[in-house]
Amino acid sequence: MQVGRDTGEIWYNVAALFAQVLNDGCTAVLTSDFKAQATEAIQHAKDHYKQGGDEDESCRNKLRRAHIRHAMSILGCWSEVRPTNRSDDVTEDDLRQAVDSLDEVERNLWDGIPNRMRYYWYLARSDLFRYKNSIQRALEMAEEALRIAKESQFPSEVHFAADRVKLLSKLVSGKHH
């Protein structure tokens, strides 16, 4: 077992399980303690991937993925387009963590980022702007995600991003009336 790649993957998988339960909305486990455990697991994954990142390109790629998935899990943008934000679930600290993860990818891990990860980065950025009530910017980010998905021929991502763009377009046009 290699510290970095292998240990990071273990922590990432633990975090992914937590995130899936949180995303499914199982109220029996939706406690702040459970959410804290999910955040701790993804932080361990990021720390381990960072250790292996200099000499292992796969660690660098997985570190990108962990940062993006961390932001997505915090913002609840995993698998469905919700007409309203679950703002009661997302704290200012959550928003700061999401910003930090997305900024880290943009500043230090952007070079060589695969299209699918860029797609998810833009989608998470879109949700972040939506939580901050910058609906126009959220729409722009979702449109970029849609463009990437279409160019890359990612069918399920095209469908999801198109739904997101449609919803945000309605919200933007609703603000002008």
C-alpha atoms as a PDB file:
ATOM      1  CA  MET A   1       0.000   0.000   0.000  1.00  0.00           C
ATOM      2  CA  GLN A   2       1.396   3.340  -1.083  1.00  0.00           C
ATOM      3  CA  VAL A   3       0.894   6.454   1.053  1.00  0.00           C
ATOM      4  CA  GLY A   4      -0.671   9.063  -1.147  1.00  0.00           C
ATOM      5  CA  ARG A   5      -2.403   7.227  -3.955  1.00  0.00           C
ATOM      6  CA  ASP A   6      -3.704   4.164  -2.076  1.00  0.00           C
ATOM      7  CA  THR A   7      -4.414   5.752   1.303  1.00  0.00           C
ATOM      8  CA  GLY A   8      -6.000   8.765  -0.399  1.00  0.00           C
ATOM      9  CA  GLU A   9      -8.269   6.443  -2.366  1.00  0.00           C
ATOM     10  CA  ILE A  10      -9.455   4.750   0.826  1.00  0.00           C
ATOM     11  CA  TRP A  11     -10.360   8.079   2.418  1.00  0.00           C
ATOM     12  CA  TYR A  12     -11.981   9.273  -0.819  1.00  0.00           C
ATOM     13  CA  ASN A  13     -14.201   6.172  -0.942  1.00  0.00           C
ATOM     14  CA  VAL A  14     -15.230   6.681   2.694  1.00  0.00           C
ATOM     15  CA  ALA A  15     -16.105  10.302   1.921  1.00  0.00           C
ATOM     16  CA  ALA A  16     -18.025   9.261  -1.214  1.00  0.00           C
ATOM     17  CA  LEU A  17     -20.176   6.908   0.858  1.00  0.00           C
ATOM     18  CA  PHE A  18     -20.940   9.664   3.368  1.00  0.00           C
ATOM     19  CA  ALA A  19     -21.749  12.069   0.523  1.00  0.00           C
ATOM     20  CA  GLN A  20     -24.100   9.581  -1.135  1.00  0.00           C
ATOM     21  CA  VAL A  21     -26.079   9.149   2.082  1.00  0.00           C
ATOM     22  CA  LEU A  22     -26.201  12.920   2.597  1.00  0.00           C
ATOM     23  CA  ASN A  23     -27.332  13.442  -1.001  1.00  0.00           C
ATOM     24  CA  ASP A  24     -30.053  10.810  -0.705  1.00  0.00           C
ATOM     25  CA  GLY A  25     -31.513  12.886   2.110  1.00  0.00           C
ATOM     26  CA  CYS A  26     -31.858  10.077   4.614  1.00  0.00           C
ATOM     27  CA  THR A  27     -33.080  12.171   7.547  1.00  0.00           C
ATOM     28  CA  ALA A  28     -32.201   9.507  10.108  1.00  0.00           C
ATOM     29  CA  VAL A  29     -28.493  10.214   9.580  1.00  0.00           C
ATOM     30  CA  LEU A  30     -28.540  13.879   8.533  1.00  0.00           C
ATOM     31  CA  THR A  31     -26.824  15.188  11.612  1.00  0.00           C
ATOM     32  CA  SER A  32     -24.103  17.780  11.896  1.00  0.00           C
ATOM     33  CA  ASP A  33     -21.858  15.029  13.293  1.00  0.00           C
ATOM     34  CA  PHE A  34     -22.410  12.884  10.194  1.00  0.00           C
ATOM     35  CA  LYS A  35     -21.688  15.859   7.940  1.00  0.00           C
ATOM     36  CA  ALA A  36     -18.527  16.578   9.955  1.00  0.00           C
ATOM     37  CA  GLN A  37     -17.361  12.973   9.476  1.00  0.00           C
ATOM     38  CA  ALA A  38     -17.891  13.284   5.717  1.00  0.00           C
ATOM     39  CA  THR A  39     -15.873  16.510   5.647  1.00  0.00           C
ATOM     40  CA  GLU A  40     -13.120  14.945   7.743  1.00  0.00           C
ATOM     41  CA  ALA A  41     -12.879  11.937   5.408  1.00  0.00           C
ATOM     42  CA  ILE A  42     -12.586  14.098   2.282  1.00  0.00           C
ATOM     43  CA  GLN A  43      -9.971  16.252   4.026  1.00  0.00           C
ATOM     44  CA  HIS A  44      -7.932  13.128   4.813  1.00  0.00           C
ATOM     45  CA  ALA A  45      -8.229  12.075   1.158  1.00  0.00           C
ATOM     46  CA  LYS A  46      -6.980  15.488   0.000  1.00  0.00           C
ATOM     47  CA  ASP A  47      -4.082  15.390   2.480  1.00  0.00           C
ATOM     48  CA  HIS A  48      -3.022  11.904   1.356  1.00  0.00           C
ATOM     49  CA  TYR A  49      -3.311  12.698  -2.350  1.00  0.00           C
ATOM     50  CA  LYS A  50      -1.276  15.856  -1.787  1.00  0.00           C
ATOM     51  CA  GLN A  51       1.516  13.748  -0.230  1.00  0.00           C
ATOM     52  CA  GLY A  52       1.785  11.662  -3.382  1.00  0.00           C
ATOM     53  CA  GLY A  53       1.066  14.459  -5.850  1.00  0.00           C
ATOM     54  CA  ASP A  54       4.584  15.575  -6.698  1.00  0.00           C
ATOM     55  CA  GLU A  55       5.809  12.249  -8.000  1.00  0.00           C
ATOM     56  CA  ASP A  56       2.505  10.680  -9.055  1.00  0.00           C
ATOM     57  CA  GLU A  57       0.296  12.349 -11.694  1.00  0.00           C
ATOM     58  CA  SER A  58      -2.622  10.090 -10.730  1.00  0.00           C
ATOM     59  CA  CYS A  59      -2.497  11.587  -7.204  1.00  0.00           C
ATOM     60  CA  ARG A  60      -2.662  15.076  -8.701  1.00  0.00           C
ATOM     61  CA  ASN A  61      -5.671  14.052 -10.774  1.00  0.00           C
ATOM     62  CA  LYS A  62      -7.367  12.443  -7.771  1.00  0.00           C
ATOM     63  CA  LEU A  63      -6.627  15.531  -5.664  1.00  0.00           C
ATOM     64  CA  ARG A  64      -8.493  17.620  -8.267  1.00  0.00           C
ATOM     65  CA  ARG A  65     -11.387  15.170  -8.141  1.00  0.00           C
ATOM     66  CA  ALA A  66     -11.472  15.238  -4.325  1.00  0.00           C
ATOM     67  CA  HIS A  67     -11.582  19.048  -4.224  1.00  0.00           C
ATOM     68  CA  ILE A  68     -14.366  19.207  -6.810  1.00  0.00           C
ATOM     69  CA  ARG A  69     -16.409  16.427  -5.195  1.00  0.00           C
ATOM     70  CA  HIS A  70     -15.958  18.070  -1.800  1.00  0.00           C
ATOM     71  CA  ALA A  71     -17.488  21.289  -3.113  1.00  0.00           C
ATOM     72  CA  MET A  72     -20.261  19.368  -4.864  1.00  0.00           C
ATOM     73  CA  SER A  73     -21.181  17.406  -1.758  1.00  0.00           C
ATOM     74  CA  ILE A  74     -21.263  20.549   0.392  1.00  0.00           C
ATOM     75  CA  LEU A  75     -23.484  22.323  -2.128  1.00  0.00           C
ATOM     76  CA  GLY A  76     -25.686  19.292  -2.777  1.00  0.00           C
ATOM     77  CA  CYS A  77     -25.196  19.292  -6.553  1.00  0.00           C
ATOM     78  CA  TRP A  78     -24.685  15.558  -7.013  1.00  0.00           C
ATOM     79  CA  SER A  79     -27.514  14.110  -9.014  1.00  0.00           C
ATOM     80  CA  GLU A  80     -30.554  16.280  -9.451  1.00  0.00           C
ATOM     81  CA  VAL A  81     -31.604  19.797 -10.314  1.00  0.00           C
ATOM     82  CA  ARG A  82     -33.490  21.243  -7.379  1.00  0.00           C
ATOM     83  CA  PRO A  83     -35.750  24.242  -8.029  1.00  0.00           C
ATOM     84  CA  THR A  84     -34.740  25.776  -4.707  1.00  0.00           C
ATOM     85  CA  ASN A  85     -31.584  25.754  -2.648  1.00  0.00           C
ATOM     86  CA  ARG A  86     -31.438  23.809   0.559  1.00  0.00           C
ATOM     87  CA  SER A  87     -30.006  26.931   2.145  1.00  0.00           C
ATOM     88  CA  ASP A  88     -30.907  25.773   5.638  1.00  0.00           C
ATOM     89  CA  ASP A  89     -28.430  22.907   5.138  1.00  0.00           C
ATOM     90  CA  VAL A  90     -25.524  25.042   3.881  1.00  0.00           C
ATOM     91  CA  THR A  91     -23.696  27.262   6.346  1.00  0.00           C
ATOM     92  CA  GLU A  92     -21.298  30.141   5.714  1.00  0.00           C
ATOM     93  CA  ASP A  93     -18.476  27.790   6.710  1.00  0.00           C
ATOM     94  CA  ASP A  94     -19.710  25.274   4.116  1.00  0.00           C
ATOM     95  CA  LEU A  95     -19.655  27.975   1.446  1.00  0.00           C
ATOM     96  CA  ARG A  96     -16.122  28.969   2.468  1.00  0.00           C
ATOM     97  CA  GLN A  97     -14.958  25.337   2.217  1.00  0.00           C
ATOM     98  CA  ALA A  98     -16.556  24.988  -1.225  1.00  0.00           C
ATOM     99  CA  VAL A  99     -14.887  28.211  -2.403  1.00  0.00           C
ATOM    100  CA  ASP A 100     -11.529  27.050  -1.013  1.00  0.00           C
ATOM    101  CA  SER A 101     -11.737  23.698  -2.818  1.00  0.00           C
ATOM    102  CA  LEU A 102     -12.803  25.183  -6.152  1.00  0.00           C
ATOM    103  CA  ASP A 103     -10.206  27.959  -5.889  1.00  0.00           C
ATOM    104  CA  GLU A 104      -7.471  25.409  -5.126  1.00  0.00           C
ATOM    105  CA  VAL A 105      -8.294  23.544  -8.331  1.00  0.00           C
ATOM    106  CA  GLU A 106      -8.401  26.751 -10.364  1.00  0.00           C
ATOM    107  CA  ARG A 107      -5.143  28.150  -8.937  1.00  0.00           C
ATOM    108  CA  ASN A 108      -2.949  25.070  -8.588  1.00  0.00           C
ATOM    109  CA  LEU A 109      -4.491  22.062 -10.350  1.00  0.00           C
ATOM    110  CA  TRP A 110      -6.100  23.453 -13.517  1.00  0.00           C
ATOM    111  CA  ASP A 111      -3.324  22.570 -15.979  1.00  0.00           C
ATOM    112  CA  GLY A 112      -4.173  19.297 -17.671  1.00  0.00           C
ATOM    113  CA  ILE A 113      -7.610  19.018 -16.070  1.00  0.00           C
ATOM    114  CA  PRO A 114      -9.750  16.474 -17.973  1.00  0.00           C
ATOM    115  CA  ASN A 115     -12.957  17.740 -19.592  1.00  0.00           C
ATOM    116  CA  ARG A 116     -15.267  15.764 -17.310  1.00  0.00           C
ATOM    117  CA  MET A 117     -13.633  17.308 -14.233  1.00  0.00           C
ATOM    118  CA  ARG A 118     -13.845  20.781 -15.807  1.00  0.00           C
ATOM    119  CA  TYR A 119     -17.536  20.119 -16.406  1.00  0.00           C
ATOM    120  CA  TYR A 120     -18.102  19.242 -12.742  1.00  0.00           C
ATOM    121  CA  TRP A 121     -15.988  22.212 -11.594  1.00  0.00           C
ATOM    122  CA  TYR A 122     -18.220  24.591 -13.577  1.00  0.00           C
ATOM    123  CA  LEU A 123     -21.328  22.882 -12.258  1.00  0.00           C
ATOM    124  CA  ALA A 124     -20.143  23.260  -8.652  1.00  0.00           C
ATOM    125  CA  ARG A 125     -19.174  26.896  -9.325  1.00  0.00           C
ATOM    126  CA  SER A 126     -22.681  27.407 -10.714  1.00  0.00           C
ATOM    127  CA  ASP A 127     -24.234  26.082  -7.506  1.00  0.00           C
ATOM    128  CA  LEU A 128     -21.919  28.249  -5.432  1.00  0.00           C
ATOM    129  CA  PHE A 129     -23.049  31.383  -7.296  1.00  0.00           C
ATOM    130  CA  ARG A 130     -26.649  30.262  -6.902  1.00  0.00           C
ATOM    131  CA  TYR A 131     -26.243  29.990  -3.128  1.00  0.00           C
ATOM    132  CA  LYS A 132     -24.788  33.496  -3.144  1.00  0.00           C
ATOM    133  CA  ASN A 133     -27.814  34.710  -5.143  1.00  0.00           C
ATOM    134  CA  SER A 134     -25.699  35.599  -8.182  1.00  0.00           C
ATOM    135  CA  ILE A 135     -28.125  33.843 -10.511  1.00  0.00           C
ATOM    136  CA  GLN A 136     -26.736  35.374 -13.717  1.00  0.00           C
ATOM    137  CA  ARG A 137     -23.208  34.140 -12.870  1.00  0.00           C
ATOM    138  CA  ALA A 138     -24.664  30.755 -11.891  1.00  0.00           C
ATOM    139  CA  LEU A 139     -26.307  30.577 -15.320  1.00  0.00           C
ATOM    140  CA  GLU A 140     -23.031  31.480 -17.072  1.00  0.00           C
ATOM    141  CA  MET A 141     -21.179  28.700 -15.230  1.00  0.00           C
ATOM    142  CA  ALA A 142     -23.933  26.183 -16.050  1.00  0.00           C
ATOM    143  CA  GLU A 143     -23.822  27.229 -19.716  1.00  0.00           C
ATOM    144  CA  GLU A 144     -20.061  26.611 -19.768  1.00  0.00           C
ATOM    145  CA  ALA A 145     -20.602  23.177 -18.185  1.00  0.00           C
ATOM    146  CA  LEU A 146     -23.191  22.437 -20.879  1.00  0.00           C
ATOM    147  CA  ARG A 147     -20.793  23.559 -23.627  1.00  0.00           C
ATOM    148  CA  ILE A 148     -18.055  21.256 -22.279  1.00  0.00           C
ATOM    149  CA  ALA A 149     -20.482  18.325 -21.996  1.00  0.00           C
ATOM    150  CA  LYS A 150     -21.725  18.802 -25.575  1.00  0.00           C
ATOM    151  CA  GLU A 151     -18.207  19.195 -26.999  1.00  0.00           C
ATOM    152  CA  SER A 152     -17.011  16.124 -25.118  1.00  0.00           C
ATOM    153  CA  GLN A 153     -20.134  14.122 -25.968  1.00  0.00           C
ATOM    154  CA  PHE A 154     -21.040  13.252 -22.372  1.00  0.00           C
ATOM    155  CA  PRO A 155     -24.772  12.391 -22.794  1.00  0.00           C
ATOM    156  CA  SER A 156     -25.859  12.220 -19.143  1.00  0.00           C
ATOM    157  CA  GLU A 157     -23.882  15.365 -18.326  1.00  0.00           C
ATOM    158  CA  VAL A 158     -25.472  17.188 -21.300  1.00  0.00           C
ATOM    159  CA  HIS A 159     -28.935  16.260 -20.002  1.00  0.00           C
ATOM    160  CA  PHE A 160     -28.166  17.355 -16.435  1.00  0.00           C
ATOM    161  CA  ALA A 161     -26.490  20.634 -17.463  1.00  0.00           C
ATOM    162  CA  ALA A 162     -29.322  21.434 -19.892  1.00  0.00           C
ATOM    163  CA  ASP A 163     -31.836  21.017 -17.045  1.00  0.00           C
ATOM    164  CA  ARG A 164     -29.689  23.255 -14.850  1.00  0.00           C
ATOM    165  CA  VAL A 165     -29.458  25.941 -17.572  1.00  0.00           C
ATOM    166  CA  LYS A 166     -33.228  25.771 -18.121  1.00  0.00           C
ATOM    167  CA  LEU A 167     -33.952  26.228 -14.415  1.00  0.00           C
ATOM    168  CA  LEU A 168     -31.452  29.070 -13.983  1.00  0.00           C
ATOM    169  CA  SER A 169     -32.732  30.798 -17.144  1.00  0.00           C
ATOM    170  CA  LYS A 170     -36.222  30.800 -15.614  1.00  0.00           C
ATOM    171  CA  LEU A 171     -34.842  32.233 -12.369  1.00  0.00           C
ATOM    172  CA  VAL A 172     -32.938  34.956 -14.248  1.00  0.00           C
ATOM    173  CA  SER A 173     -35.940  35.930 -16.384  1.00  0.00           C
ATOM    174  CA  GLY A 174     -38.116  35.906 -13.262  1.00  0.00           C
ATOM    175  CA  LYS A 175     -35.844  38.467 -11.598  1.00  0.00           C
ATOM    176  CA  HIS A 176     -36.343  40.910 -14.485  1.00  0.00           C
ATOM    177  CA  HIS A 177     -40.130  41.024 -14.116  1.00  0.00           C
END
